[in-house]
Amino acid sequence: MKKYSINKGIGASVEFKGLKAQYLFYFAGGLLGNLILVMVMYMAGVNNLICLSFGLGFSGYLIYKVFAMNKKYGQYGLMKLQARKYFPRYIISRKDVKGYFNRNLKLKTYEKYS
């Protein structure tokens, strides 16, 4: 009788066939959406061959794309990619140079009298 280990360790991410973390949800959600879309097309009266070819083509593309993103970005790569969009590319300072010197002079005179 085979024994299967259930506990893979604390803090380990979920993995199935090489897909890790959020890619499993993208994969499952894409396949579910594909199934629903093909069923709607079939019920709408679209030709069976068109429904079948669309379903297989979209499923193949989805599998290819999800596994490619998993390989390219890794477990936390997509979150890092999304976070990078919120960082400014460069910081703009629109104050002239005199403004910085004047502020420093005011601080020094205030410290002198306090």
PDB file of N, CA and C in Angstrom:
ATOM      1  N   MET A   1       0.843  -1.178   0.000  1.00  0.00           N
ATOM      2  CA  MET A   1       0.000   0.000   0.000  1.00  0.00           C
ATOM      3  C   MET A   1       0.892   1.245   0.000  1.00  0.00           C
ATOM      4  N   LYS A   2       0.585   2.189  -0.913  1.00  0.00           N
ATOM      5  CA  LYS A   2       1.359   3.416  -1.017  1.00  0.00           C
ATOM      6  C   LYS A   2       0.925   4.411   0.047  1.00  0.00           C
ATOM      7  N   LYS A   3       1.899   5.147   0.538  1.00  0.00           N
ATOM      8  CA  LYS A   3       1.610   6.217   1.477  1.00  0.00           C
ATOM      9  C   LYS A   3       1.970   7.538   0.818  1.00  0.00           C
ATOM     10  N   TYR A   4       1.071   8.474   0.906  1.00  0.00           N
ATOM     11  CA  TYR A   4       1.277   9.790   0.327  1.00  0.00           C
ATOM     12  C   TYR A   4       1.506  10.802   1.443  1.00  0.00           C
ATOM     13  N   SER A   5       2.512  11.612   1.293  1.00  0.00           N
ATOM     14  CA  SER A   5       2.750  12.638   2.300  1.00  0.00           C
ATOM     15  C   SER A   5       1.863  13.841   2.004  1.00  0.00           C
ATOM     16  N   ILE A   6       1.178  14.289   3.011  1.00  0.00           N
ATOM     17  CA  ILE A   6       0.247  15.402   2.854  1.00  0.00           C
ATOM     18  C   ILE A   6       0.933  16.721   3.190  1.00  0.00           C
ATOM     19  N   ASN A   7       1.716  16.731   4.266  1.00  0.00           N
ATOM     20  CA  ASN A   7       2.350  17.956   4.724  1.00  0.00           C
ATOM     21  C   ASN A   7       3.645  18.191   3.955  1.00  0.00           C
ATOM     22  N   LYS A   8       3.711  19.278   3.219  1.00  0.00           N
ATOM     23  CA  LYS A   8       4.914  19.591   2.448  1.00  0.00           C
ATOM     24  C   LYS A   8       5.765  20.636   3.139  1.00  0.00           C
ATOM     25  N   GLY A   9       5.371  21.072   4.304  1.00  0.00           N
ATOM     26  CA  GLY A   9       6.146  22.066   5.029  1.00  0.00           C
ATOM     27  C   GLY A   9       5.354  23.338   5.243  1.00  0.00           C
ATOM     28  N   ILE A  10       5.711  24.011   6.295  1.00  0.00           N
ATOM     29  CA  ILE A  10       5.021  25.256   6.630  1.00  0.00           C
ATOM     30  C   ILE A  10       5.542  26.362   5.724  1.00  0.00           C
ATOM     31  N   GLY A  11       4.634  27.115   5.173  1.00  0.00           N
ATOM     32  CA  GLY A  11       5.013  28.242   4.339  1.00  0.00           C
ATOM     33  C   GLY A  11       5.321  27.875   2.893  1.00  0.00           C
ATOM     34  N   ALA A  12       5.244  26.594   2.534  1.00  0.00           N
ATOM     35  CA  ALA A  12       5.509  26.202   1.151  1.00  0.00           C
ATOM     36  C   ALA A  12       4.318  26.566   0.283  1.00  0.00           C
ATOM     37  N   SER A  13       4.576  27.009  -0.921  1.00  0.00           N
ATOM     38  CA  SER A  13       3.483  27.402  -1.807  1.00  0.00           C
ATOM     39  C   SER A  13       2.859  26.171  -2.454  1.00  0.00           C
ATOM     40  N   VAL A  14       1.627  26.338  -2.885  1.00  0.00           N
ATOM     41  CA  VAL A  14       0.915  25.270  -3.556  1.00  0.00           C
ATOM     42  C   VAL A  14       1.518  25.082  -4.938  1.00  0.00           C
ATOM     43  N   GLU A  15       1.702  23.839  -5.343  1.00  0.00           N
ATOM     44  CA  GLU A  15       2.292  23.573  -6.650  1.00  0.00           C
ATOM     45  C   GLU A  15       1.590  22.379  -7.276  1.00  0.00           C
ATOM     46  N   PHE A  16       1.303  22.477  -8.573  1.00  0.00           N
ATOM     47  CA  PHE A  16       0.690  21.378  -9.303  1.00  0.00           C
ATOM     48  C   PHE A  16       1.280  21.352 -10.705  1.00  0.00           C
ATOM     49  N   LYS A  17       1.947  20.272 -11.030  1.00  0.00           N
ATOM     50  CA  LYS A  17       2.562  20.081 -12.343  1.00  0.00           C
ATOM     51  C   LYS A  17       3.497  21.228 -12.729  1.00  0.00           C
ATOM     52  N   GLY A  18       4.164  21.822 -11.760  1.00  0.00           N
ATOM     53  CA  GLY A  18       5.106  22.893 -12.031  1.00  0.00           C
ATOM     54  C   GLY A  18       4.520  24.288 -11.907  1.00  0.00           C
ATOM     55  N   LEU A  19       3.192  24.402 -11.907  1.00  0.00           N
ATOM     56  CA  LEU A  19       2.561  25.716 -11.735  1.00  0.00           C
ATOM     57  C   LEU A  19       2.538  26.063 -10.260  1.00  0.00           C
ATOM     58  N   LYS A  20       2.933  27.278  -9.947  1.00  0.00           N
ATOM     59  CA  LYS A  20       2.983  27.702  -8.556  1.00  0.00           C
ATOM     60  C   LYS A  20       2.072  28.894  -8.327  1.00  0.00           C
ATOM     61  N   ALA A  21       1.572  28.968  -7.107  1.00  0.00           N
ATOM     62  CA  ALA A  21       0.877  30.122  -6.550  1.00  0.00           C
ATOM     63  C   ALA A  21      -0.272  30.607  -7.436  1.00  0.00           C
ATOM     64  N   GLN A  22      -0.222  31.878  -7.860  1.00  0.00           N
ATOM     65  CA  GLN A  22      -1.356  32.490  -8.545  1.00  0.00           C
ATOM     66  C   GLN A  22      -1.573  31.929  -9.945  1.00  0.00           C
ATOM     67  N   TYR A  23      -0.564  31.291 -10.532  1.00  0.00           N
ATOM     68  CA  TYR A  23      -0.710  30.746 -11.880  1.00  0.00           C
ATOM     69  C   TYR A  23      -1.720  29.614 -11.911  1.00  0.00           C
ATOM     70  N   LEU A  24      -1.869  28.888 -10.795  1.00  0.00           N
ATOM     71  CA  LEU A  24      -2.895  27.849 -10.723  1.00  0.00           C
ATOM     72  C   LEU A  24      -4.284  28.461 -10.872  1.00  0.00           C
ATOM     73  N   PHE A  25      -4.502  29.601 -10.235  1.00  0.00           N
ATOM     74  CA  PHE A  25      -5.805  30.258 -10.326  1.00  0.00           C
ATOM     75  C   PHE A  25      -6.057  30.808 -11.726  1.00  0.00           C
ATOM     76  N   TYR A  26      -5.030  31.369 -12.348  1.00  0.00           N
ATOM     77  CA  TYR A  26      -5.184  31.847 -13.722  1.00  0.00           C
ATOM     78  C   TYR A  26      -5.507  30.690 -14.657  1.00  0.00           C
ATOM     79  N   PHE A  27      -4.828  29.584 -14.461  1.00  0.00           N
ATOM     80  CA  PHE A  27      -5.027  28.412 -15.308  1.00  0.00           C
ATOM     81  C   PHE A  27      -6.440  27.853 -15.139  1.00  0.00           C
ATOM     82  N   ALA A  28      -6.853  27.652 -13.886  1.00  0.00           N
ATOM     83  CA  ALA A  28      -8.186  27.095 -13.629  1.00  0.00           C
ATOM     84  C   ALA A  28      -9.280  28.055 -14.078  1.00  0.00           C
ATOM     85  N   GLY A  29      -9.112  29.344 -13.800  1.00  0.00           N
ATOM     86  CA  GLY A  29     -10.109  30.329 -14.217  1.00  0.00           C
ATOM     87  C   GLY A  29     -10.210  30.440 -15.729  1.00  0.00           C
ATOM     88  N   GLY A  30      -9.078  30.372 -16.418  1.00  0.00           N
ATOM     89  CA  GLY A  30      -9.088  30.432 -17.881  1.00  0.00           C
ATOM     90  C   GLY A  30      -9.770  29.235 -18.501  1.00  0.00           C
ATOM     91  N   LEU A  31      -9.493  28.053 -17.963  1.00  0.00           N
ATOM     92  CA  LEU A  31     -10.150  26.851 -18.495  1.00  0.00           C
ATOM     93  C   LEU A  31     -11.643  26.859 -18.210  1.00  0.00           C
ATOM     94  N   LEU A  32     -12.036  27.337 -17.042  1.00  0.00           N
ATOM     95  CA  LEU A  32     -13.455  27.427 -16.721  1.00  0.00           C
ATOM     96  C   LEU A  32     -14.149  28.440 -17.625  1.00  0.00           C
ATOM     97  N   GLY A  33     -13.515  29.576 -17.833  1.00  0.00           N
ATOM     98  CA  GLY A  33     -14.077  30.577 -18.742  1.00  0.00           C
ATOM     99  C   GLY A  33     -14.176  30.063 -20.167  1.00  0.00           C
ATOM    100  N   ASN A  34     -13.178  29.305 -20.597  1.00  0.00           N
ATOM    101  CA  ASN A  34     -13.195  28.707 -21.932  1.00  0.00           C
ATOM    102  C   ASN A  34     -14.361  27.730 -22.060  1.00  0.00           C
ATOM    103  N   LEU A  35     -14.560  26.907 -21.047  1.00  0.00           N
ATOM    104  CA  LEU A  35     -15.655  25.935 -21.071  1.00  0.00           C
ATOM    105  C   LEU A  35     -17.000  26.630 -21.167  1.00  0.00           C
ATOM    106  N   ILE A  36     -17.191  27.668 -20.379  1.00  0.00           N
ATOM    107  CA  ILE A  36     -18.461  28.398 -20.397  1.00  0.00           C
ATOM    108  C   ILE A  36     -18.677  29.078 -21.747  1.00  0.00           C
ATOM    109  N   LEU A  37     -17.615  29.662 -22.307  1.00  0.00           N
ATOM    110  CA  LEU A  37     -17.723  30.329 -23.602  1.00  0.00           C
ATOM    111  C   LEU A  37     -18.084  29.340 -24.714  1.00  0.00           C
ATOM    112  N   VAL A  38     -17.459  28.165 -24.705  1.00  0.00           N
ATOM    113  CA  VAL A  38     -17.768  27.155 -25.723  1.00  0.00           C
ATOM    114  C   VAL A  38     -19.202  26.656 -25.549  1.00  0.00           C
ATOM    115  N   MET A  39     -19.666  26.497 -24.308  1.00  0.00           N
ATOM    116  CA  MET A  39     -21.051  26.059 -24.090  1.00  0.00           C
ATOM    117  C   MET A  39     -22.042  27.106 -24.574  1.00  0.00           C
ATOM    118  N   VAL A  40     -21.747  28.376 -24.341  1.00  0.00           N
ATOM    119  CA  VAL A  40     -22.634  29.446 -24.815  1.00  0.00           C
ATOM    120  C   VAL A  40     -22.653  29.475 -26.339  1.00  0.00           C
ATOM    121  N   MET A  41     -21.487  29.314 -26.954  1.00  0.00           N
ATOM    122  CA  MET A  41     -21.435  29.289 -28.421  1.00  0.00           C
ATOM    123  C   MET A  41     -22.238  28.116 -28.977  1.00  0.00           C
ATOM    124  N   TYR A  42     -22.126  26.962 -28.339  1.00  0.00           N
ATOM    125  CA  TYR A  42     -22.855  25.772 -28.794  1.00  0.00           C
ATOM    126  C   TYR A  42     -24.365  25.968 -28.649  1.00  0.00           C
ATOM    127  N   MET A  43     -24.780  26.561 -27.527  1.00  0.00           N
ATOM    128  CA  MET A  43     -26.216  26.783 -27.307  1.00  0.00           C
ATOM    129  C   MET A  43     -26.763  27.876 -28.223  1.00  0.00           C
ATOM    130  N   ALA A  44     -25.891  28.762 -28.677  1.00  0.00           N
ATOM    131  CA  ALA A  44     -26.321  29.817 -29.585  1.00  0.00           C
ATOM    132  C   ALA A  44     -26.474  29.307 -31.016  1.00  0.00           C
ATOM    133  N   GLY A  45     -26.009  28.091 -31.277  1.00  0.00           N
ATOM    134  CA  GLY A  45     -26.197  27.500 -32.591  1.00  0.00           C
ATOM    135  C   GLY A  45     -24.990  27.599 -33.503  1.00  0.00           C
ATOM    136  N   VAL A  46     -23.821  27.874 -32.958  1.00  0.00           N
ATOM    137  CA  VAL A  46     -22.612  27.929 -33.766  1.00  0.00           C
ATOM    138  C   VAL A  46     -22.227  26.501 -34.150  1.00  0.00           C
ATOM    139  N   ASN A  47     -21.643  26.345 -35.320  1.00  0.00           N
ATOM    140  CA  ASN A  47     -21.257  25.026 -35.824  1.00  0.00           C
ATOM    141  C   ASN A  47     -20.360  24.302 -34.807  1.00  0.00           C
ATOM    142  N   ASN A  48     -20.552  22.976 -34.712  1.00  0.00           N
ATOM    143  CA  ASN A  48     -19.808  22.168 -33.747  1.00  0.00           C
ATOM    144  C   ASN A  48     -18.299  22.228 -33.984  1.00  0.00           C
ATOM    145  N   LEU A  49     -17.872  22.198 -35.243  1.00  0.00           N
ATOM    146  CA  LEU A  49     -16.448  22.232 -35.539  1.00  0.00           C
ATOM    147  C   LEU A  49     -15.816  23.569 -35.141  1.00  0.00           C
ATOM    148  N   ILE A  50     -16.571  24.633 -35.312  1.00  0.00           N
ATOM    149  CA  ILE A  50     -16.068  25.945 -34.913  1.00  0.00           C
ATOM    150  C   ILE A  50     -15.940  26.007 -33.395  1.00  0.00           C
ATOM    151  N   CYS A  51     -16.944  25.522 -32.684  1.00  0.00           N
ATOM    152  CA  CYS A  51     -16.892  25.503 -31.214  1.00  0.00           C
ATOM    153  C   CYS A  51     -15.714  24.663 -30.729  1.00  0.00           C
ATOM    154  N   LEU A  52     -15.535  23.503 -31.315  1.00  0.00           N
ATOM    155  CA  LEU A  52     -14.463  22.600 -30.908  1.00  0.00           C
ATOM    156  C   LEU A  52     -13.094  23.193 -31.212  1.00  0.00           C
ATOM    157  N   SER A  53     -12.929  23.741 -32.409  1.00  0.00           N
ATOM    158  CA  SER A  53     -11.629  24.307 -32.763  1.00  0.00           C
ATOM    159  C   SER A  53     -11.317  25.540 -31.922  1.00  0.00           C
ATOM    160  N   PHE A  54     -12.328  26.375 -31.653  1.00  0.00           N
ATOM    161  CA  PHE A  54     -12.102  27.543 -30.796  1.00  0.00           C
ATOM    162  C   PHE A  54     -11.722  27.115 -29.386  1.00  0.00           C
ATOM    163  N   GLY A  55     -12.432  26.138 -28.841  1.00  0.00           N
ATOM    164  CA  GLY A  55     -12.155  25.656 -27.488  1.00  0.00           C
ATOM    165  C   GLY A  55     -10.762  25.057 -27.373  1.00  0.00           C
ATOM    166  N   LEU A  56     -10.376  24.238 -28.328  1.00  0.00           N
ATOM    167  CA  LEU A  56      -9.045  23.628 -28.288  1.00  0.00           C
ATOM    168  C   LEU A  56      -7.944  24.665 -28.512  1.00  0.00           C
ATOM    169  N   GLY A  57      -8.171  25.569 -29.445  1.00  0.00           N
ATOM    170  CA  GLY A  57      -7.171  26.605 -29.720  1.00  0.00           C
ATOM    171  C   GLY A  57      -6.964  27.529 -28.529  1.00  0.00           C
ATOM    172  N   PHE A  58      -8.047  27.975 -27.927  1.00  0.00           N
ATOM    173  CA  PHE A  58      -7.938  28.865 -26.778  1.00  0.00           C
ATOM    174  C   PHE A  58      -7.322  28.146 -25.585  1.00  0.00           C
ATOM    175  N   SER A  59      -7.675  26.879 -25.384  1.00  0.00           N
ATOM    176  CA  SER A  59      -7.092  26.099 -24.286  1.00  0.00           C
ATOM    177  C   SER A  59      -5.588  25.915 -24.489  1.00  0.00           C
ATOM    178  N   GLY A  60      -5.186  25.620 -25.717  1.00  0.00           N
ATOM    179  CA  GLY A  60      -3.762  25.460 -26.003  1.00  0.00           C
ATOM    180  C   GLY A  60      -2.991  26.745 -25.776  1.00  0.00           C
ATOM    181  N   TYR A  61      -3.558  27.857 -26.221  1.00  0.00           N
ATOM    182  CA  TYR A  61      -2.910  29.148 -26.012  1.00  0.00           C
ATOM    183  C   TYR A  61      -2.817  29.479 -24.528  1.00  0.00           C
ATOM    184  N   LEU A  62      -3.878  29.194 -23.790  1.00  0.00           N
ATOM    185  CA  LEU A  62      -3.890  29.458 -22.360  1.00  0.00           C
ATOM    186  C   LEU A  62      -2.827  28.636 -21.635  1.00  0.00           C
ATOM    187  N   ILE A  63      -2.732  27.362 -21.967  1.00  0.00           N
ATOM    188  CA  ILE A  63      -1.736  26.493 -21.347  1.00  0.00           C
ATOM    189  C   ILE A  63      -0.330  27.009 -21.655  1.00  0.00           C
ATOM    190  N   TYR A  64      -0.086  27.325 -22.906  1.00  0.00           N
ATOM    191  CA  TYR A  64       1.239  27.832 -23.305  1.00  0.00           C
ATOM    192  C   TYR A  64       1.585  29.114 -22.559  1.00  0.00           C
ATOM    193  N   LYS A  65       0.637  30.050 -22.503  1.00  0.00           N
ATOM    194  CA  LYS A  65       0.904  31.361 -21.913  1.00  0.00           C
ATOM    195  C   LYS A  65       1.113  31.274 -20.401  1.00  0.00           C
ATOM    196  N   VAL A  66       0.298  30.473 -19.718  1.00  0.00           N
ATOM    197  CA  VAL A  66       0.421  30.374 -18.264  1.00  0.00           C
ATOM    198  C   VAL A  66       1.734  29.703 -17.877  1.00  0.00           C
ATOM    199  N   PHE A  67       2.106  28.636 -18.578  1.00  0.00           N
ATOM    200  CA  PHE A  67       3.365  27.979 -18.260  1.00  0.00           C
ATOM    201  C   PHE A  67       4.562  28.865 -18.619  1.00  0.00           C
ATOM    202  N   ALA A  68       4.447  29.652 -19.685  1.00  0.00           N
ATOM    203  CA  ALA A  68       5.528  30.565 -20.045  1.00  0.00           C
ATOM    204  C   ALA A  68       5.689  31.664 -18.993  1.00  0.00           C
ATOM    205  N   MET A  69       4.572  32.206 -18.496  1.00  0.00           N
ATOM    206  CA  MET A  69       4.658  33.228 -17.452  1.00  0.00           C
ATOM    207  C   MET A  69       5.205  32.639 -16.161  1.00  0.00           C
ATOM    208  N   ASN A  70       4.821  31.407 -15.852  1.00  0.00           N
ATOM    209  CA  ASN A  70       5.338  30.743 -14.656  1.00  0.00           C
ATOM    210  C   ASN A  70       6.850  30.570 -14.738  1.00  0.00           C
ATOM    211  N   LYS A  71       7.331  30.226 -15.913  1.00  0.00           N
ATOM    212  CA  LYS A  71       8.764  30.031 -16.085  1.00  0.00           C
ATOM    213  C   LYS A  71       9.510  31.368 -16.081  1.00  0.00           C
ATOM    214  N   LYS A  72       8.925  32.392 -16.697  1.00  0.00           N
ATOM    215  CA  LYS A  72       9.609  33.674 -16.825  1.00  0.00           C
ATOM    216  C   LYS A  72       9.624  34.455 -15.515  1.00  0.00           C
ATOM    217  N   TYR A  73       8.484  34.560 -14.847  1.00  0.00           N
ATOM    218  CA  TYR A  73       8.365  35.429 -13.686  1.00  0.00           C
ATOM    219  C   TYR A  73       8.520  34.706 -12.355  1.00  0.00           C
ATOM    220  N   GLY A  74       8.260  33.430 -12.296  1.00  0.00           N
ATOM    221  CA  GLY A  74       8.399  32.703 -11.033  1.00  0.00           C
ATOM    222  C   GLY A  74       7.211  32.925 -10.119  1.00  0.00           C
ATOM    223  N   GLN A  75       7.396  32.519  -8.873  1.00  0.00           N
ATOM    224  CA  GLN A  75       6.298  32.499  -7.926  1.00  0.00           C
ATOM    225  C   GLN A  75       5.769  33.891  -7.594  1.00  0.00           C
ATOM    226  N   TYR A  76       6.633  34.849  -7.330  1.00  0.00           N
ATOM    227  CA  TYR A  76       6.202  36.186  -6.927  1.00  0.00           C
ATOM    228  C   TYR A  76       6.446  37.234  -8.004  1.00  0.00           C
ATOM    229  N   GLY A  77       6.809  36.810  -9.194  1.00  0.00           N
ATOM    230  CA  GLY A  77       7.206  37.742 -10.236  1.00  0.00           C
ATOM    231  C   GLY A  77       6.103  38.654 -10.718  1.00  0.00           C
ATOM    232  N   LEU A  78       4.890  38.145 -10.837  1.00  0.00           N
ATOM    233  CA  LEU A  78       3.800  38.997 -11.321  1.00  0.00           C
ATOM    234  C   LEU A  78       3.452  40.072 -10.305  1.00  0.00           C
ATOM    235  N   MET A  79       3.536  39.759  -9.028  1.00  0.00           N
ATOM    236  CA  MET A  79       3.271  40.778  -8.014  1.00  0.00           C
ATOM    237  C   MET A  79       4.355  41.855  -8.052  1.00  0.00           C
ATOM    238  N   LYS A  80       5.600  41.458  -8.279  1.00  0.00           N
ATOM    239  CA  LYS A  80       6.674  42.433  -8.388  1.00  0.00           C
ATOM    240  C   LYS A  80       6.491  43.291  -9.635  1.00  0.00           C
ATOM    241  N   LEU A  81       6.025  42.678 -10.714  1.00  0.00           N
ATOM    242  CA  LEU A  81       5.796  43.414 -11.947  1.00  0.00           C
ATOM    243  C   LEU A  81       4.686  44.442 -11.769  1.00  0.00           C
ATOM    244  N   GLN A  82       3.618  44.072 -11.057  1.00  0.00           N
ATOM    245  CA  GLN A  82       2.541  45.012 -10.796  1.00  0.00           C
ATOM    246  C   GLN A  82       2.991  46.126  -9.866  1.00  0.00           C
ATOM    247  N   ALA A  83       3.810  45.799  -8.880  1.00  0.00           N
ATOM    248  CA  ALA A  83       4.291  46.817  -7.939  1.00  0.00           C
ATOM    249  C   ALA A  83       5.209  47.807  -8.636  1.00  0.00           C
ATOM    250  N   ARG A  84       5.946  47.367  -9.624  1.00  0.00           N
ATOM    251  CA  ARG A  84       6.868  48.249 -10.335  1.00  0.00           C
ATOM    252  C   ARG A  84       6.119  49.355 -11.071  1.00  0.00           C
ATOM    253  N   LYS A  85       4.869  49.129 -11.452  1.00  0.00           N
ATOM    254  CA  LYS A  85       4.090  50.150 -12.150  1.00  0.00           C
ATOM    255  C   LYS A  85       3.782  51.348 -11.253  1.00  0.00           C
ATOM    256  N   TYR A  86       3.748  51.132  -9.927  1.00  0.00           N
ATOM    257  CA  TYR A  86       3.393  52.202  -9.009  1.00  0.00           C
ATOM    258  C   TYR A  86       4.592  53.017  -8.545  1.00  0.00           C
ATOM    259  N   PHE A  87       5.807  52.603  -8.833  1.00  0.00           N
ATOM    260  CA  PHE A  87       6.987  53.371  -8.467  1.00  0.00           C
ATOM    261  C   PHE A  87       7.235  54.438  -9.523  1.00  0.00           C
ATOM    262  N   PRO A  88       7.605  55.637  -9.094  1.00  0.00           N
ATOM    263  CA  PRO A  88       7.906  56.677 -10.078  1.00  0.00           C
ATOM    264  C   PRO A  88       9.210  56.361 -10.807  1.00  0.00           C
ATOM    265  N   ARG A  89       9.261  56.701 -12.066  1.00  0.00           N
ATOM    266  CA  ARG A  89      10.487  56.456 -12.837  1.00  0.00           C
ATOM    267  C   ARG A  89      11.589  57.408 -12.410  1.00  0.00           C
ATOM    268  N   TYR A  90      11.225  58.638 -12.103  1.00  0.00           N
ATOM    269  CA  TYR A  90      12.191  59.612 -11.624  1.00  0.00           C
ATOM    270  C   TYR A  90      11.453  60.616 -10.753  1.00  0.00           C
ATOM    271  N   ILE A  91      12.189  61.282  -9.911  1.00  0.00           N
ATOM    272  CA  ILE A  91      11.605  62.264  -9.006  1.00  0.00           C
ATOM    273  C   ILE A  91      11.861  63.655  -9.562  1.00  0.00           C
ATOM    274  N   ILE A  92      10.815  64.443  -9.634  1.00  0.00           N
ATOM    275  CA  ILE A  92      10.913  65.793 -10.186  1.00  0.00           C
ATOM    276  C   ILE A  92      10.879  66.792  -9.038  1.00  0.00           C
ATOM    277  N   SER A  93      11.820  67.684  -9.037  1.00  0.00           N
ATOM    278  CA  SER A  93      11.839  68.785  -8.079  1.00  0.00           C
ATOM    279  C   SER A  93      11.758  70.084  -8.867  1.00  0.00           C
ATOM    280  N   ARG A  94      10.707  70.827  -8.647  1.00  0.00           N
ATOM    281  CA  ARG A  94      10.495  72.044  -9.424  1.00  0.00           C
ATOM    282  C   ARG A  94      10.930  73.300  -8.668  1.00  0.00           C
ATOM    283  N   LYS A  95      11.612  73.145  -7.555  1.00  0.00           N
ATOM    284  CA  LYS A  95      12.123  74.292  -6.817  1.00  0.00           C
ATOM    285  C   LYS A  95      13.445  74.735  -7.409  1.00  0.00           C
ATOM    286  N   ASP A  96      13.653  76.022  -7.438  1.00  0.00           N
ATOM    287  CA  ASP A  96      14.951  76.485  -7.901  1.00  0.00           C
ATOM    288  C   ASP A  96      15.969  76.339  -6.761  1.00  0.00           C
ATOM    289  N   VAL A  97      17.216  76.492  -7.101  1.00  0.00           N
ATOM    290  CA  VAL A  97      18.298  76.253  -6.150  1.00  0.00           C
ATOM    291  C   VAL A  97      18.246  77.265  -5.003  1.00  0.00           C
ATOM    292  N   LYS A  98      17.843  78.510  -5.284  1.00  0.00           N
ATOM    293  CA  LYS A  98      17.766  79.538  -4.240  1.00  0.00           C
ATOM    294  C   LYS A  98      16.795  79.131  -3.133  1.00  0.00           C
ATOM    295  N   GLY A  99      15.745  78.452  -3.492  1.00  0.00           N
ATOM    296  CA  GLY A  99      14.762  78.028  -2.501  1.00  0.00           C
ATOM    297  C   GLY A  99      15.346  77.102  -1.458  1.00  0.00           C
ATOM    298  N   TYR A 100      16.253  76.242  -1.851  1.00  0.00           N
ATOM    299  CA  TYR A 100      16.879  75.340  -0.895  1.00  0.00           C
ATOM    300  C   TYR A 100      17.812  76.100   0.049  1.00  0.00           C
ATOM    301  N   PHE A 101      18.566  77.062  -0.473  1.00  0.00           N
ATOM    302  CA  PHE A 101      19.478  77.828   0.368  1.00  0.00           C
ATOM    303  C   PHE A 101      18.728  78.726   1.332  1.00  0.00           C
ATOM    304  N   ASN A 102      17.669  79.353   0.876  1.00  0.00           N
ATOM    305  CA  ASN A 102      16.884  80.223   1.743  1.00  0.00           C
ATOM    306  C   ASN A 102      16.279  79.439   2.901  1.00  0.00           C
ATOM    307  N   ARG A 103      15.815  78.266   2.634  1.00  0.00           N
ATOM    308  CA  ARG A 103      15.221  77.441   3.677  1.00  0.00           C
ATOM    309  C   ARG A 103      16.266  77.066   4.710  1.00  0.00           C
ATOM    310  N   ASN A 104      17.459  76.721   4.283  1.00  0.00           N
ATOM    311  CA  ASN A 104      18.523  76.371   5.215  1.00  0.00           C
ATOM    312  C   ASN A 104      18.943  77.575   6.051  1.00  0.00           C
ATOM    313  N   LEU A 105      18.973  78.766   5.459  1.00  0.00           N
ATOM    314  CA  LEU A 105      19.330  79.971   6.207  1.00  0.00           C
ATOM    315  C   LEU A 105      18.287  80.278   7.275  1.00  0.00           C
ATOM    316  N   LYS A 106      17.017  80.101   6.950  1.00  0.00           N
ATOM    317  CA  LYS A 106      15.957  80.351   7.917  1.00  0.00           C
ATOM    318  C   LYS A 106      16.067  79.380   9.088  1.00  0.00           C
ATOM    319  N   LEU A 107      16.395  78.130   8.808  1.00  0.00           N
ATOM    320  CA  LEU A 107      16.544  77.148   9.873  1.00  0.00           C
ATOM    321  C   LEU A 107      17.721  77.502  10.780  1.00  0.00           C
ATOM    322  N   LYS A 108      18.816  77.951  10.211  1.00  0.00           N
ATOM    323  CA  LYS A 108      19.998  78.281  11.011  1.00  0.00           C
ATOM    324  C   LYS A 108      19.744  79.503  11.888  1.00  0.00           C
ATOM    325  N   THR A 109      19.032  80.506  11.373  1.00  0.00           N
ATOM    326  CA  THR A 109      18.752  81.676  12.179  1.00  0.00           C
ATOM    327  C   THR A 109      17.759  81.334  13.283  1.00  0.00           C
ATOM    328  N   TYR A 110      16.835  80.436  13.031  1.00  0.00           N
ATOM    329  CA  TYR A 110      15.882  80.029  14.054  1.00  0.00           C
ATOM    330  C   TYR A 110      16.590  79.284  15.169  1.00  0.00           C
ATOM    331  N   GLU A 111      17.550  78.424  14.811  1.00  0.00           N
ATOM    332  CA  GLU A 111      18.279  77.681  15.825  1.00  0.00           C
ATOM    333  C   GLU A 111      19.168  78.602  16.652  1.00  0.00           C
ATOM    334  N   LYS A 112      19.658  79.671  16.048  1.00  0.00           N
ATOM    335  CA  LYS A 112      20.537  80.601  16.766  1.00  0.00           C
ATOM    336  C   LYS A 112      19.799  81.301  17.892  1.00  0.00           C
ATOM    337  N   TYR A 113      18.516  81.661  17.672  1.00  0.00           N
ATOM    338  CA  TYR A 113      17.763  82.417  18.646  1.00  0.00           C
ATOM    339  C   TYR A 113      16.994  81.547  19.627  1.00  0.00           C
ATOM    340  N   SER A 114      16.923  80.252  19.435  1.00  0.00           N
ATOM    341  CA  SER A 114      16.164  79.426  20.362  1.00  0.00           C
ATOM    342  C   SER A 114      17.027  78.776  21.411  1.00  0.00           C
TER     343      SER A 114
END
